[in-house]
Amino acid sequence: MHLCFKLGLLALLTAVWGMPASLIHTSSVHADFRTGKLVRSVIVTSKAVSPPPAIDTGIDTGIDDAVERIAAQHSLPPRLIHSVIKVESNYNPLAVSPKGAMGLMQLIPSTARRFGVSDSFNPLENIQGGAKYLKYLLDLYNGSYSLALAAYNAGEGAVAKYGGVPPYAETRNYLVRVQKQLVGPAPAAAQNEKPANLAPAGPAHIQEVTQPDGTVRYVTR
């Protein structure tokens, strides 16, 4: 009777709560205190099976929303910010470069301080600081994406020194990689943007000009 009752109760709880359980049977032999005869009793207990751990997809669904919001604040195309993030860190908020650049948009400490970022590993702060810097550079270079991105990569001093895009292989490769992101498949947050809106986002054409004295300058057209 007791065994049937316990089994029935366990089945009821499992059905009600939807919790899988494994049964543990324990038997013992003892003397009945009234008759003195040996009797065997079976004790049934249950061991709940823990549900499988949640799967971490590694995708921060808040990044798209943050980029959209911050881009709107600074009148920047969201796709530009996405392109820089993709090339700079591949969306790794904890990325650190050999030169000490940190976070999603790879801000060096001096740039982070300059644009009010106290924690470069905080995705929202990092995107905000990177967007402010991009906006500043675009205003500085009269909307030239080539010069703004070159300065973002090599520094404003390098652009001033060479009077245009510095002849650094790293910087030139950086411009090509960002441009590919700008004209390639749109990131999730930019899926609804019209292609026409992306035209101004591409780096301007870079032309090599040889001066009479033999020096070479790079200008945008």
N, C-alpha and C. Protein backbone atom coordinates (compact mmCIF):
# COMPACT_ATOMS: atom_id res chain seq x y z
N MET A 1 0.83 -1.21 0.00
CA MET A 1 0.00 0.00 0.00
C MET A 1 0.87 1.26 0.00
N HIS A 2 1.85 1.28 0.93
CA HIS A 2 2.69 2.46 1.03
C HIS A 2 3.52 2.63 -0.24
N LEU A 3 4.01 1.53 -0.80
CA LEU A 3 4.81 1.59 -2.01
C LEU A 3 3.98 2.13 -3.17
N CYS A 4 2.75 1.62 -3.32
CA CYS A 4 1.87 2.09 -4.38
C CYS A 4 1.57 3.57 -4.23
N PHE A 5 1.37 3.99 -2.98
CA PHE A 5 1.05 5.40 -2.73
C PHE A 5 2.22 6.30 -3.13
N LYS A 6 3.46 5.89 -2.76
CA LYS A 6 4.63 6.70 -3.07
C LYS A 6 4.86 6.79 -4.57
N LEU A 7 4.70 5.66 -5.24
CA LEU A 7 4.88 5.66 -6.69
C LEU A 7 3.83 6.54 -7.37
N GLY A 8 2.59 6.46 -6.88
CA GLY A 8 1.54 7.28 -7.45
C GLY A 8 1.78 8.76 -7.22
N LEU A 9 2.25 9.11 -6.03
CA LEU A 9 2.53 10.50 -5.71
C LEU A 9 3.65 11.04 -6.57
N LEU A 10 4.69 10.22 -6.77
CA LEU A 10 5.82 10.65 -7.59
C LEU A 10 5.38 10.89 -9.03
N ALA A 11 4.55 9.98 -9.54
CA ALA A 11 4.05 10.13 -10.92
C ALA A 11 3.22 11.39 -11.05
N LEU A 12 2.40 11.69 -10.04
CA LEU A 12 1.56 12.88 -10.07
C LEU A 12 2.41 14.15 -10.08
N LEU A 13 3.43 14.20 -9.21
CA LEU A 13 4.28 15.38 -9.16
C LEU A 13 5.03 15.59 -10.46
N THR A 14 5.50 14.49 -11.05
CA THR A 14 6.21 14.59 -12.32
C THR A 14 5.31 15.12 -13.41
N ALA A 15 4.05 14.64 -13.43
CA ALA A 15 3.11 15.09 -14.46
C ALA A 15 2.74 16.54 -14.27
N VAL A 16 2.56 16.97 -13.00
CA VAL A 16 2.13 18.34 -12.72
C VAL A 16 3.24 19.33 -13.00
N TRP A 17 4.44 19.03 -12.50
CA TRP A 17 5.53 19.98 -12.60
C TRP A 17 6.37 19.81 -13.87
N GLY A 18 6.18 18.71 -14.57
CA GLY A 18 6.94 18.49 -15.79
C GLY A 18 8.41 18.28 -15.53
N MET A 19 8.78 17.76 -14.36
CA MET A 19 10.18 17.59 -14.00
C MET A 19 10.56 16.12 -14.13
N PRO A 20 11.46 15.78 -15.06
CA PRO A 20 11.89 14.40 -15.17
C PRO A 20 12.64 13.99 -13.92
N ALA A 21 12.49 12.74 -13.54
CA ALA A 21 13.16 12.27 -12.33
C ALA A 21 13.58 10.83 -12.54
N SER A 22 14.64 10.45 -11.88
CA SER A 22 15.08 9.06 -11.89
C SER A 22 14.74 8.45 -10.54
N LEU A 23 14.31 7.18 -10.52
CA LEU A 23 13.89 6.52 -9.29
C LEU A 23 15.06 5.78 -8.65
N ILE A 24 15.14 5.88 -7.34
CA ILE A 24 16.15 5.16 -6.58
C ILE A 24 15.42 4.21 -5.62
N HIS A 25 15.64 2.90 -5.76
CA HIS A 25 14.99 1.90 -4.92
C HIS A 25 15.96 1.45 -3.83
N THR A 26 15.53 1.52 -2.57
CA THR A 26 16.34 1.07 -1.44
C THR A 26 15.50 0.07 -0.63
N SER A 27 16.05 -1.15 -0.41
CA SER A 27 15.30 -2.16 0.35
C SER A 27 15.99 -2.42 1.68
N SER A 28 15.18 -2.81 2.68
CA SER A 28 15.73 -3.14 4.00
C SER A 28 14.89 -4.25 4.63
N VAL A 29 15.51 -5.03 5.49
CA VAL A 29 14.83 -6.12 6.20
C VAL A 29 14.86 -5.83 7.70
N HIS A 30 13.68 -5.93 8.34
CA HIS A 30 13.62 -5.70 9.78
C HIS A 30 12.49 -6.54 10.37
N ALA A 31 12.49 -6.66 11.67
CA ALA A 31 11.46 -7.45 12.37
C ALA A 31 10.25 -6.60 12.66
N ASP A 32 9.06 -7.17 12.36
CA ASP A 32 7.82 -6.49 12.69
C ASP A 32 7.66 -6.47 14.20
N PHE A 33 7.45 -5.27 14.77
CA PHE A 33 7.43 -5.18 16.25
C PHE A 33 6.23 -5.87 16.86
N ARG A 34 5.18 -6.19 16.08
CA ARG A 34 4.01 -6.87 16.66
C ARG A 34 4.09 -8.38 16.52
N THR A 35 4.54 -8.88 15.35
CA THR A 35 4.55 -10.34 15.13
C THR A 35 5.91 -10.96 15.33
N GLY A 36 6.99 -10.13 15.25
CA GLY A 36 8.34 -10.67 15.37
C GLY A 36 8.85 -11.26 14.07
N LYS A 37 8.04 -11.28 13.01
CA LYS A 37 8.47 -11.84 11.74
C LYS A 37 9.32 -10.82 10.97
N LEU A 38 10.24 -11.41 10.16
CA LEU A 38 11.09 -10.55 9.33
C LEU A 38 10.28 -10.10 8.12
N VAL A 39 10.33 -8.82 7.85
CA VAL A 39 9.62 -8.27 6.68
C VAL A 39 10.59 -7.39 5.90
N ARG A 40 10.36 -7.34 4.59
CA ARG A 40 11.19 -6.50 3.72
C ARG A 40 10.37 -5.29 3.28
N SER A 41 11.00 -4.13 3.35
CA SER A 41 10.32 -2.92 2.90
C SER A 41 11.18 -2.27 1.80
N VAL A 42 10.51 -1.63 0.88
CA VAL A 42 11.19 -0.95 -0.23
C VAL A 42 10.90 0.55 -0.14
N ILE A 43 11.95 1.33 -0.15
CA ILE A 43 11.82 2.79 -0.09
C ILE A 43 12.15 3.35 -1.46
N VAL A 44 11.24 4.14 -2.01
CA VAL A 44 11.43 4.73 -3.33
C VAL A 44 11.65 6.22 -3.17
N THR A 45 12.76 6.70 -3.69
CA THR A 45 13.03 8.14 -3.68
C THR A 45 13.30 8.57 -5.12
N SER A 46 13.30 9.84 -5.33
CA SER A 46 13.55 10.36 -6.67
C SER A 46 14.71 11.33 -6.65
N LYS A 47 15.41 11.37 -7.77
CA LYS A 47 16.52 12.31 -7.95
C LYS A 47 16.21 13.15 -9.18
N ALA A 48 15.95 14.43 -8.98
CA ALA A 48 15.58 15.29 -10.10
C ALA A 48 16.75 15.43 -11.06
N VAL A 49 16.45 15.41 -12.33
CA VAL A 49 17.47 15.60 -13.36
C VAL A 49 17.54 17.07 -13.71
N SER A 50 18.72 17.65 -13.58
CA SER A 50 18.87 19.07 -13.84
C SER A 50 18.66 19.35 -15.32
N PRO A 51 17.98 20.43 -15.65
CA PRO A 51 17.79 20.77 -17.06
C PRO A 51 19.12 21.14 -17.69
N PRO A 52 19.26 20.95 -19.01
CA PRO A 52 20.52 21.30 -19.66
C PRO A 52 20.78 22.79 -19.57
N PRO A 53 22.04 23.18 -19.47
CA PRO A 53 22.35 24.61 -19.37
C PRO A 53 21.96 25.34 -20.64
N ALA A 54 21.62 26.63 -20.48
CA ALA A 54 21.25 27.45 -21.64
C ALA A 54 22.44 27.61 -22.57
N ILE A 55 22.17 27.65 -23.84
CA ILE A 55 23.23 27.79 -24.83
C ILE A 55 23.51 29.28 -25.05
N ASP A 56 24.78 29.64 -24.89
CA ASP A 56 25.18 31.03 -25.12
C ASP A 56 25.60 31.17 -26.58
N THR A 57 24.84 31.92 -27.34
CA THR A 57 25.13 32.07 -28.77
C THR A 57 26.28 33.04 -29.03
N GLY A 58 26.68 33.80 -28.00
CA GLY A 58 27.77 34.75 -28.18
C GLY A 58 27.36 36.01 -28.93
N ILE A 59 26.08 36.20 -29.20
CA ILE A 59 25.61 37.37 -29.94
C ILE A 59 24.94 38.34 -28.98
N ASP A 60 25.45 39.54 -28.94
CA ASP A 60 24.85 40.58 -28.10
C ASP A 60 23.82 41.31 -28.94
N THR A 61 22.55 41.00 -28.72
CA THR A 61 21.49 41.59 -29.53
C THR A 61 21.34 43.09 -29.27
N GLY A 62 21.98 43.61 -28.22
CA GLY A 62 21.86 45.02 -27.93
C GLY A 62 22.80 45.89 -28.75
N ILE A 63 23.80 45.29 -29.42
CA ILE A 63 24.76 46.07 -30.19
C ILE A 63 24.09 46.81 -31.33
N ASP A 64 23.23 46.13 -32.07
CA ASP A 64 22.54 46.77 -33.19
C ASP A 64 21.74 47.98 -32.73
N ASP A 65 21.00 47.81 -31.64
CA ASP A 65 20.19 48.92 -31.13
C ASP A 65 21.07 50.08 -30.70
N ALA A 66 22.19 49.75 -30.05
CA ALA A 66 23.10 50.81 -29.58
C ALA A 66 23.69 51.57 -30.77
N VAL A 67 24.09 50.85 -31.80
CA VAL A 67 24.67 51.50 -32.97
C VAL A 67 23.63 52.41 -33.63
N GLU A 68 22.41 51.92 -33.79
CA GLU A 68 21.34 52.73 -34.39
C GLU A 68 21.14 54.03 -33.60
N ARG A 69 21.04 53.89 -32.29
CA ARG A 69 20.75 55.06 -31.45
C ARG A 69 21.91 56.06 -31.47
N ILE A 70 23.13 55.55 -31.30
CA ILE A 70 24.30 56.43 -31.25
C ILE A 70 24.57 57.07 -32.60
N ALA A 71 24.37 56.32 -33.68
CA ALA A 71 24.56 56.88 -35.02
C ALA A 71 23.60 58.05 -35.25
N ALA A 72 22.36 57.89 -34.81
CA ALA A 72 21.38 58.96 -34.96
C ALA A 72 21.78 60.19 -34.17
N GLN A 73 22.34 59.99 -33.00
CA GLN A 73 22.76 61.12 -32.16
C GLN A 73 23.83 61.96 -32.84
N HIS A 74 24.68 61.32 -33.63
CA HIS A 74 25.82 62.03 -34.23
C HIS A 74 25.68 62.19 -35.74
N SER A 75 24.48 61.91 -36.26
CA SER A 75 24.21 62.06 -37.70
C SER A 75 25.19 61.27 -38.55
N LEU A 76 25.42 60.01 -38.15
CA LEU A 76 26.31 59.11 -38.88
C LEU A 76 25.51 57.94 -39.43
N PRO A 77 25.91 57.39 -40.56
CA PRO A 77 25.25 56.17 -41.05
C PRO A 77 25.57 55.01 -40.11
N PRO A 78 24.58 54.29 -39.63
CA PRO A 78 24.87 53.13 -38.77
C PRO A 78 25.85 52.17 -39.42
N ARG A 79 25.77 52.06 -40.72
CA ARG A 79 26.63 51.11 -41.42
C ARG A 79 28.11 51.51 -41.31
N LEU A 80 28.39 52.79 -41.24
CA LEU A 80 29.78 53.23 -41.06
C LEU A 80 30.32 52.73 -39.73
N ILE A 81 29.53 52.88 -38.68
CA ILE A 81 29.97 52.43 -37.36
C ILE A 81 30.13 50.92 -37.36
N HIS A 82 29.17 50.21 -37.94
CA HIS A 82 29.28 48.75 -38.02
C HIS A 82 30.54 48.33 -38.78
N SER A 83 30.86 49.04 -39.85
CA SER A 83 32.02 48.68 -40.66
C SER A 83 33.32 48.86 -39.87
N VAL A 84 33.40 49.95 -39.13
CA VAL A 84 34.60 50.19 -38.32
C VAL A 84 34.71 49.14 -37.21
N ILE A 85 33.59 48.83 -36.55
CA ILE A 85 33.62 47.81 -35.49
C ILE A 85 34.06 46.47 -36.06
N LYS A 86 33.52 46.10 -37.21
CA LYS A 86 33.85 44.81 -37.82
C LYS A 86 35.34 44.71 -38.11
N VAL A 87 35.91 45.75 -38.71
CA VAL A 87 37.32 45.73 -39.07
C VAL A 87 38.22 45.87 -37.85
N GLU A 88 37.81 46.71 -36.91
CA GLU A 88 38.66 46.97 -35.75
C GLU A 88 38.72 45.79 -34.77
N SER A 89 37.57 45.20 -34.46
CA SER A 89 37.55 44.19 -33.39
C SER A 89 36.74 42.95 -33.70
N ASN A 90 36.05 42.95 -34.85
CA ASN A 90 35.14 41.85 -35.19
C ASN A 90 34.11 41.65 -34.07
N TYR A 91 33.64 42.76 -33.51
CA TYR A 91 32.59 42.77 -32.49
C TYR A 91 33.02 42.13 -31.17
N ASN A 92 34.30 42.16 -30.87
CA ASN A 92 34.79 41.64 -29.58
C ASN A 92 34.97 42.81 -28.63
N PRO A 93 34.10 42.96 -27.62
CA PRO A 93 34.18 44.13 -26.73
C PRO A 93 35.41 44.11 -25.82
N LEU A 94 36.10 42.98 -25.74
CA LEU A 94 37.28 42.87 -24.87
C LEU A 94 38.58 42.84 -25.68
N ALA A 95 38.50 43.17 -26.95
CA ALA A 95 39.69 43.12 -27.81
C ALA A 95 40.72 44.17 -27.37
N VAL A 96 41.99 43.77 -27.41
CA VAL A 96 43.10 44.67 -27.09
C VAL A 96 44.17 44.48 -28.17
N SER A 97 44.58 45.56 -28.80
CA SER A 97 45.58 45.47 -29.86
C SER A 97 46.98 45.54 -29.26
N PRO A 98 48.00 45.15 -30.04
CA PRO A 98 49.39 45.26 -29.54
C PRO A 98 49.77 46.69 -29.17
N LYS A 99 49.07 47.68 -29.76
CA LYS A 99 49.37 49.08 -29.47
C LYS A 99 48.53 49.62 -28.31
N GLY A 100 47.71 48.78 -27.71
CA GLY A 100 46.93 49.21 -26.55
C GLY A 100 45.56 49.74 -26.85
N ALA A 101 45.11 49.63 -28.11
CA ALA A 101 43.74 50.05 -28.43
C ALA A 101 42.76 49.03 -27.86
N MET A 102 41.62 49.50 -27.37
CA MET A 102 40.74 48.63 -26.60
C MET A 102 39.29 48.69 -27.08
N GLY A 103 38.62 47.56 -26.90
CA GLY A 103 37.18 47.51 -27.09
C GLY A 103 36.72 47.38 -28.52
N LEU A 104 35.41 47.51 -28.70
CA LEU A 104 34.77 47.32 -30.00
C LEU A 104 35.37 48.19 -31.10
N MET A 105 35.57 49.47 -30.80
CA MET A 105 36.07 50.40 -31.81
C MET A 105 37.53 50.73 -31.62
N GLN A 106 38.21 49.92 -30.78
CA GLN A 106 39.66 50.01 -30.59
C GLN A 106 40.14 51.44 -30.32
N LEU A 107 39.72 51.96 -29.18
CA LEU A 107 40.13 53.29 -28.76
C LEU A 107 41.43 53.21 -27.97
N ILE A 108 42.40 54.03 -28.33
CA ILE A 108 43.61 54.11 -27.52
C ILE A 108 43.27 54.96 -26.29
N PRO A 109 44.01 54.80 -25.19
CA PRO A 109 43.65 55.51 -23.95
C PRO A 109 43.49 57.02 -24.13
N SER A 110 44.38 57.66 -24.90
CA SER A 110 44.27 59.11 -25.05
C SER A 110 43.00 59.51 -25.80
N THR A 111 42.62 58.75 -26.80
CA THR A 111 41.39 59.05 -27.53
C THR A 111 40.17 58.81 -26.64
N ALA A 112 40.22 57.73 -25.85
CA ALA A 112 39.12 57.44 -24.93
C ALA A 112 38.91 58.61 -23.97
N ARG A 113 40.00 59.09 -23.38
CA ARG A 113 39.89 60.23 -22.45
C ARG A 113 39.39 61.47 -23.17
N ARG A 114 39.87 61.67 -24.37
CA ARG A 114 39.51 62.86 -25.16
C ARG A 114 38.02 62.95 -25.42
N PHE A 115 37.38 61.79 -25.58
CA PHE A 115 35.95 61.78 -25.90
C PHE A 115 35.09 61.23 -24.77
N GLY A 116 35.62 61.31 -23.55
CA GLY A 116 34.82 61.05 -22.36
C GLY A 116 34.51 59.60 -22.07
N VAL A 117 35.35 58.68 -22.52
CA VAL A 117 35.13 57.25 -22.26
C VAL A 117 35.94 56.85 -21.03
N SER A 118 35.25 56.45 -19.98
CA SER A 118 35.95 56.04 -18.76
C SER A 118 36.25 54.55 -18.74
N ASP A 119 35.45 53.76 -19.46
CA ASP A 119 35.66 52.31 -19.51
C ASP A 119 35.56 51.85 -20.96
N SER A 120 36.71 51.64 -21.58
CA SER A 120 36.72 51.27 -23.00
C SER A 120 36.17 49.88 -23.26
N PHE A 121 36.04 49.07 -22.21
CA PHE A 121 35.50 47.72 -22.38
C PHE A 121 33.99 47.68 -22.18
N ASN A 122 33.41 48.83 -21.87
CA ASN A 122 31.96 48.94 -21.83
C ASN A 122 31.48 49.21 -23.25
N PRO A 123 30.73 48.29 -23.85
CA PRO A 123 30.35 48.44 -25.26
C PRO A 123 29.67 49.77 -25.58
N LEU A 124 28.74 50.21 -24.73
CA LEU A 124 28.02 51.45 -25.01
C LEU A 124 28.96 52.65 -24.97
N GLU A 125 29.82 52.71 -23.96
CA GLU A 125 30.77 53.82 -23.87
C GLU A 125 31.73 53.81 -25.04
N ASN A 126 32.18 52.61 -25.40
CA ASN A 126 33.16 52.49 -26.48
C ASN A 126 32.56 52.95 -27.81
N ILE A 127 31.35 52.50 -28.11
CA ILE A 127 30.70 52.91 -29.36
C ILE A 127 30.44 54.41 -29.36
N GLN A 128 30.02 54.93 -28.21
CA GLN A 128 29.77 56.37 -28.11
C GLN A 128 31.05 57.16 -28.38
N GLY A 129 32.14 56.74 -27.76
CA GLY A 129 33.41 57.43 -27.96
C GLY A 129 33.90 57.31 -29.40
N GLY A 130 33.80 56.11 -29.98
CA GLY A 130 34.23 55.92 -31.36
C GLY A 130 33.41 56.73 -32.34
N ALA A 131 32.10 56.81 -32.09
CA ALA A 131 31.22 57.59 -32.96
C ALA A 131 31.54 59.08 -32.88
N LYS A 132 31.80 59.55 -31.66
CA LYS A 132 32.18 60.97 -31.49
C LYS A 132 33.46 61.28 -32.26
N TYR A 133 34.41 60.35 -32.20
CA TYR A 133 35.68 60.56 -32.90
C TYR A 133 35.48 60.56 -34.41
N LEU A 134 34.69 59.62 -34.92
CA LEU A 134 34.42 59.59 -36.36
C LEU A 134 33.73 60.89 -36.81
N LYS A 135 32.76 61.34 -36.04
CA LYS A 135 32.05 62.57 -36.38
C LYS A 135 33.01 63.76 -36.39
N TYR A 136 33.87 63.81 -35.38
CA TYR A 136 34.86 64.89 -35.31
C TYR A 136 35.77 64.88 -36.54
N LEU A 137 36.24 63.69 -36.93
CA LEU A 137 37.15 63.58 -38.07
C LEU A 137 36.45 63.94 -39.38
N LEU A 138 35.21 63.52 -39.55
CA LEU A 138 34.47 63.85 -40.76
C LEU A 138 34.26 65.37 -40.87
N ASP A 139 33.97 66.00 -39.74
CA ASP A 139 33.83 67.46 -39.75
C ASP A 139 35.17 68.13 -40.05
N LEU A 140 36.25 67.56 -39.49
CA LEU A 140 37.58 68.13 -39.67
C LEU A 140 38.01 68.08 -41.13
N TYR A 141 37.68 66.99 -41.81
CA TYR A 141 38.11 66.79 -43.20
C TYR A 141 36.97 67.01 -44.20
N ASN A 142 36.03 67.84 -43.82
CA ASN A 142 34.95 68.25 -44.72
C ASN A 142 34.21 67.07 -45.35
N GLY A 143 33.96 66.06 -44.56
CA GLY A 143 33.16 64.94 -45.02
C GLY A 143 33.93 63.88 -45.80
N SER A 144 35.25 63.98 -45.88
CA SER A 144 36.04 62.99 -46.61
C SER A 144 36.17 61.71 -45.78
N TYR A 145 35.55 60.65 -46.26
CA TYR A 145 35.64 59.39 -45.54
C TYR A 145 37.05 58.82 -45.59
N SER A 146 37.76 59.02 -46.70
CA SER A 146 39.13 58.51 -46.81
C SER A 146 40.03 59.13 -45.75
N LEU A 147 39.98 60.45 -45.64
CA LEU A 147 40.84 61.12 -44.66
C LEU A 147 40.40 60.82 -43.23
N ALA A 148 39.10 60.79 -42.99
CA ALA A 148 38.60 60.51 -41.64
C ALA A 148 39.02 59.12 -41.19
N LEU A 149 38.85 58.13 -42.07
CA LEU A 149 39.22 56.76 -41.71
C LEU A 149 40.73 56.59 -41.61
N ALA A 150 41.47 57.30 -42.46
CA ALA A 150 42.93 57.24 -42.37
C ALA A 150 43.40 57.80 -41.04
N ALA A 151 42.79 58.91 -40.61
CA ALA A 151 43.15 59.50 -39.33
C ALA A 151 42.73 58.60 -38.18
N TYR A 152 41.59 57.94 -38.33
CA TYR A 152 41.12 57.03 -37.29
C TYR A 152 42.14 55.90 -37.11
N ASN A 153 42.74 55.47 -38.21
CA ASN A 153 43.69 54.37 -38.15
C ASN A 153 45.10 54.81 -37.80
N ALA A 154 45.58 55.87 -38.45
CA ALA A 154 46.99 56.26 -38.31
C ALA A 154 47.20 57.50 -37.46
N GLY A 155 46.12 58.21 -37.17
CA GLY A 155 46.24 59.43 -36.38
C GLY A 155 46.17 60.68 -37.23
N GLU A 156 45.68 61.74 -36.64
CA GLU A 156 45.55 63.01 -37.36
C GLU A 156 46.91 63.56 -37.75
N GLY A 157 47.92 63.30 -36.92
CA GLY A 157 49.26 63.79 -37.22
C GLY A 157 49.81 63.21 -38.50
N ALA A 158 49.54 61.92 -38.74
CA ALA A 158 50.04 61.27 -39.95
C ALA A 158 49.37 61.86 -41.20
N VAL A 159 48.08 62.15 -41.10
CA VAL A 159 47.36 62.75 -42.24
C VAL A 159 47.90 64.15 -42.51
N ALA A 160 48.18 64.90 -41.45
CA ALA A 160 48.72 66.25 -41.62
C ALA A 160 50.13 66.20 -42.19
N LYS A 161 50.92 65.24 -41.75
CA LYS A 161 52.30 65.12 -42.22
C LYS A 161 52.38 64.87 -43.71
N TYR A 162 51.50 64.01 -44.22
CA TYR A 162 51.55 63.64 -45.63
C TYR A 162 50.55 64.42 -46.49
N GLY A 163 49.78 65.27 -45.85
CA GLY A 163 48.82 66.06 -46.61
C GLY A 163 47.73 65.23 -47.24
N GLY A 164 47.43 64.10 -46.68
CA GLY A 164 46.43 63.19 -47.21
C GLY A 164 46.56 61.83 -46.56
N VAL A 165 46.10 60.81 -47.26
CA VAL A 165 46.20 59.45 -46.72
C VAL A 165 47.66 59.05 -46.61
N PRO A 166 48.15 58.69 -45.44
CA PRO A 166 49.56 58.30 -45.30
C PRO A 166 49.90 57.07 -46.15
N PRO A 167 51.11 57.02 -46.68
CA PRO A 167 51.50 55.88 -47.53
C PRO A 167 51.88 54.65 -46.71
N TYR A 168 51.08 54.36 -45.70
CA TYR A 168 51.34 53.19 -44.87
C TYR A 168 50.53 52.02 -45.42
N ALA A 169 51.17 50.86 -45.53
CA ALA A 169 50.46 49.68 -46.03
C ALA A 169 49.28 49.34 -45.12
N GLU A 170 49.50 49.46 -43.82
CA GLU A 170 48.43 49.14 -42.87
C GLU A 170 47.23 50.05 -43.06
N THR A 171 47.49 51.35 -43.23
CA THR A 171 46.39 52.31 -43.38
C THR A 171 45.65 52.11 -44.69
N ARG A 172 46.41 51.90 -45.77
CA ARG A 172 45.76 51.68 -47.06
C ARG A 172 44.91 50.39 -47.03
N ASN A 173 45.45 49.36 -46.40
CA ASN A 173 44.69 48.12 -46.28
C ASN A 173 43.45 48.33 -45.42
N TYR A 174 43.59 49.16 -44.40
CA TYR A 174 42.46 49.47 -43.52
C TYR A 174 41.33 50.13 -44.31
N LEU A 175 41.67 51.09 -45.16
CA LEU A 175 40.65 51.76 -45.96
C LEU A 175 39.93 50.78 -46.89
N VAL A 176 40.70 49.88 -47.48
CA VAL A 176 40.10 48.89 -48.38
C VAL A 176 39.15 47.97 -47.61
N ARG A 177 39.56 47.54 -46.44
CA ARG A 177 38.74 46.62 -45.65
C ARG A 177 37.45 47.28 -45.18
N VAL A 178 37.55 48.54 -44.72
CA VAL A 178 36.34 49.24 -44.28
C VAL A 178 35.42 49.50 -45.46
N GLN A 179 36.00 49.86 -46.61
CA GLN A 179 35.17 50.12 -47.78
C GLN A 179 34.43 48.85 -48.21
N LYS A 180 35.09 47.71 -48.11
CA LYS A 180 34.42 46.45 -48.46
C LYS A 180 33.23 46.21 -47.55
N GLN A 181 33.38 46.55 -46.27
CA GLN A 181 32.25 46.40 -45.35
C GLN A 181 31.12 47.36 -45.69
N LEU A 182 31.49 48.55 -46.13
CA LEU A 182 30.48 49.55 -46.46
C LEU A 182 29.65 49.17 -47.67
N VAL A 183 30.29 48.55 -48.66
CA VAL A 183 29.57 48.23 -49.89
C VAL A 183 29.15 46.78 -49.96
N GLY A 184 29.53 45.97 -48.95
CA GLY A 184 29.18 44.56 -48.94
C GLY A 184 27.83 44.34 -48.30
N PRO A 185 27.53 43.06 -47.90
CA PRO A 185 26.25 42.75 -47.25
C PRO A 185 26.06 43.60 -46.01
N ALA A 186 24.88 44.13 -45.85
CA ALA A 186 24.61 45.02 -44.72
C ALA A 186 24.56 44.27 -43.42
N PRO A 187 25.07 44.86 -42.31
CA PRO A 187 24.90 44.27 -40.98
C PRO A 187 23.44 44.27 -40.60
N ALA A 188 23.12 43.55 -39.54
CA ALA A 188 21.72 43.37 -39.15
C ALA A 188 20.98 44.69 -38.98
N ALA A 189 21.62 45.67 -38.36
CA ALA A 189 20.93 46.93 -38.09
C ALA A 189 20.74 47.77 -39.34
N ALA A 190 21.44 47.43 -40.43
CA ALA A 190 21.35 48.24 -41.64
C ALA A 190 20.56 47.57 -42.75
N GLN A 191 19.88 46.48 -42.44
CA GLN A 191 19.18 45.73 -43.47
C GLN A 191 18.11 46.57 -44.16
N ASN A 192 17.49 47.50 -43.44
CA ASN A 192 16.39 48.27 -44.00
C ASN A 192 16.84 49.58 -44.65
N GLU A 193 18.15 49.83 -44.65
CA GLU A 193 18.62 51.06 -45.26
C GLU A 193 18.55 50.95 -46.78
N LYS A 194 18.20 52.02 -47.45
CA LYS A 194 18.16 52.03 -48.90
C LYS A 194 19.58 52.13 -49.45
N PRO A 195 19.90 51.43 -50.54
CA PRO A 195 21.25 51.50 -51.11
C PRO A 195 21.71 52.92 -51.38
N ALA A 196 20.77 53.79 -51.77
CA ALA A 196 21.17 55.17 -52.09
C ALA A 196 21.77 55.87 -50.89
N ASN A 197 21.32 55.49 -49.67
CA ASN A 197 21.84 56.14 -48.48
C ASN A 197 23.27 55.75 -48.20
N LEU A 198 23.76 54.67 -48.83
CA LEU A 198 25.09 54.19 -48.54
C LEU A 198 26.14 54.82 -49.44
N ALA A 199 25.70 55.47 -50.53
CA ALA A 199 26.67 56.00 -51.47
C ALA A 199 27.66 56.98 -50.84
N PRO A 200 27.19 57.95 -50.01
CA PRO A 200 28.15 58.88 -49.42
C PRO A 200 29.07 58.23 -48.41
N ALA A 201 28.73 57.01 -47.97
CA ALA A 201 29.51 56.38 -46.90
C ALA A 201 30.81 55.78 -47.40
N GLY A 202 30.99 55.62 -48.69
CA GLY A 202 32.21 55.02 -49.19
C GLY A 202 33.36 56.00 -49.16
N PRO A 203 34.60 55.51 -48.89
CA PRO A 203 35.76 56.40 -48.90
C PRO A 203 35.90 57.07 -50.27
N ALA A 204 36.32 58.32 -50.28
CA ALA A 204 36.50 59.04 -51.54
C ALA A 204 37.65 58.43 -52.33
N HIS A 205 37.65 58.69 -53.65
CA HIS A 205 38.71 58.14 -54.50
C HIS A 205 40.05 58.76 -54.11
N ILE A 206 41.06 57.94 -53.98
CA ILE A 206 42.39 58.40 -53.59
C ILE A 206 43.27 58.44 -54.84
N GLN A 207 43.88 59.59 -55.10
CA GLN A 207 44.73 59.75 -56.28
C GLN A 207 46.14 60.11 -55.86
N GLU A 208 47.12 59.45 -56.50
CA GLU A 208 48.53 59.71 -56.22
C GLU A 208 49.01 60.81 -57.16
N VAL A 209 49.60 61.85 -56.59
CA VAL A 209 50.06 62.99 -57.38
C VAL A 209 51.55 63.18 -57.13
N THR A 210 52.33 63.20 -58.20
CA THR A 210 53.78 63.41 -58.10
C THR A 210 54.08 64.88 -58.35
N GLN A 211 54.72 65.52 -57.40
CA GLN A 211 55.05 66.93 -57.49
C GLN A 211 56.29 67.12 -58.38
N PRO A 212 56.51 68.36 -58.86
CA PRO A 212 57.69 68.64 -59.70
C PRO A 212 59.01 68.28 -59.03
N ASP A 213 59.06 68.38 -57.69
CA ASP A 213 60.30 68.07 -57.00
C ASP A 213 60.46 66.58 -56.71
N GLY A 214 59.52 65.78 -57.20
CA GLY A 214 59.63 64.34 -57.03
C GLY A 214 58.88 63.78 -55.84
N THR A 215 58.35 64.63 -54.97
CA THR A 215 57.60 64.14 -53.82
C THR A 215 56.23 63.65 -54.27
N VAL A 216 55.69 62.72 -53.49
CA VAL A 216 54.40 62.14 -53.82
C VAL A 216 53.38 62.52 -52.76
N ARG A 217 52.22 62.95 -53.22
CA ARG A 217 51.15 63.28 -52.30
C ARG A 217 49.92 62.48 -52.69
N TYR A 218 49.04 62.26 -51.69
CA TYR A 218 47.81 61.52 -51.93
C TYR A 218 46.65 62.46 -51.63
N VAL A 219 45.80 62.63 -52.60
CA VAL A 219 44.66 63.54 -52.45
C VAL A 219 43.39 62.79 -52.77
N THR A 220 42.29 63.32 -52.30
CA THR A 220 40.99 62.72 -52.56
C THR A 220 40.26 63.51 -53.62
N ARG A 221 39.49 62.82 -54.46
CA ARG A 221 38.72 63.45 -55.53
C ARG A 221 37.24 63.18 -55.34
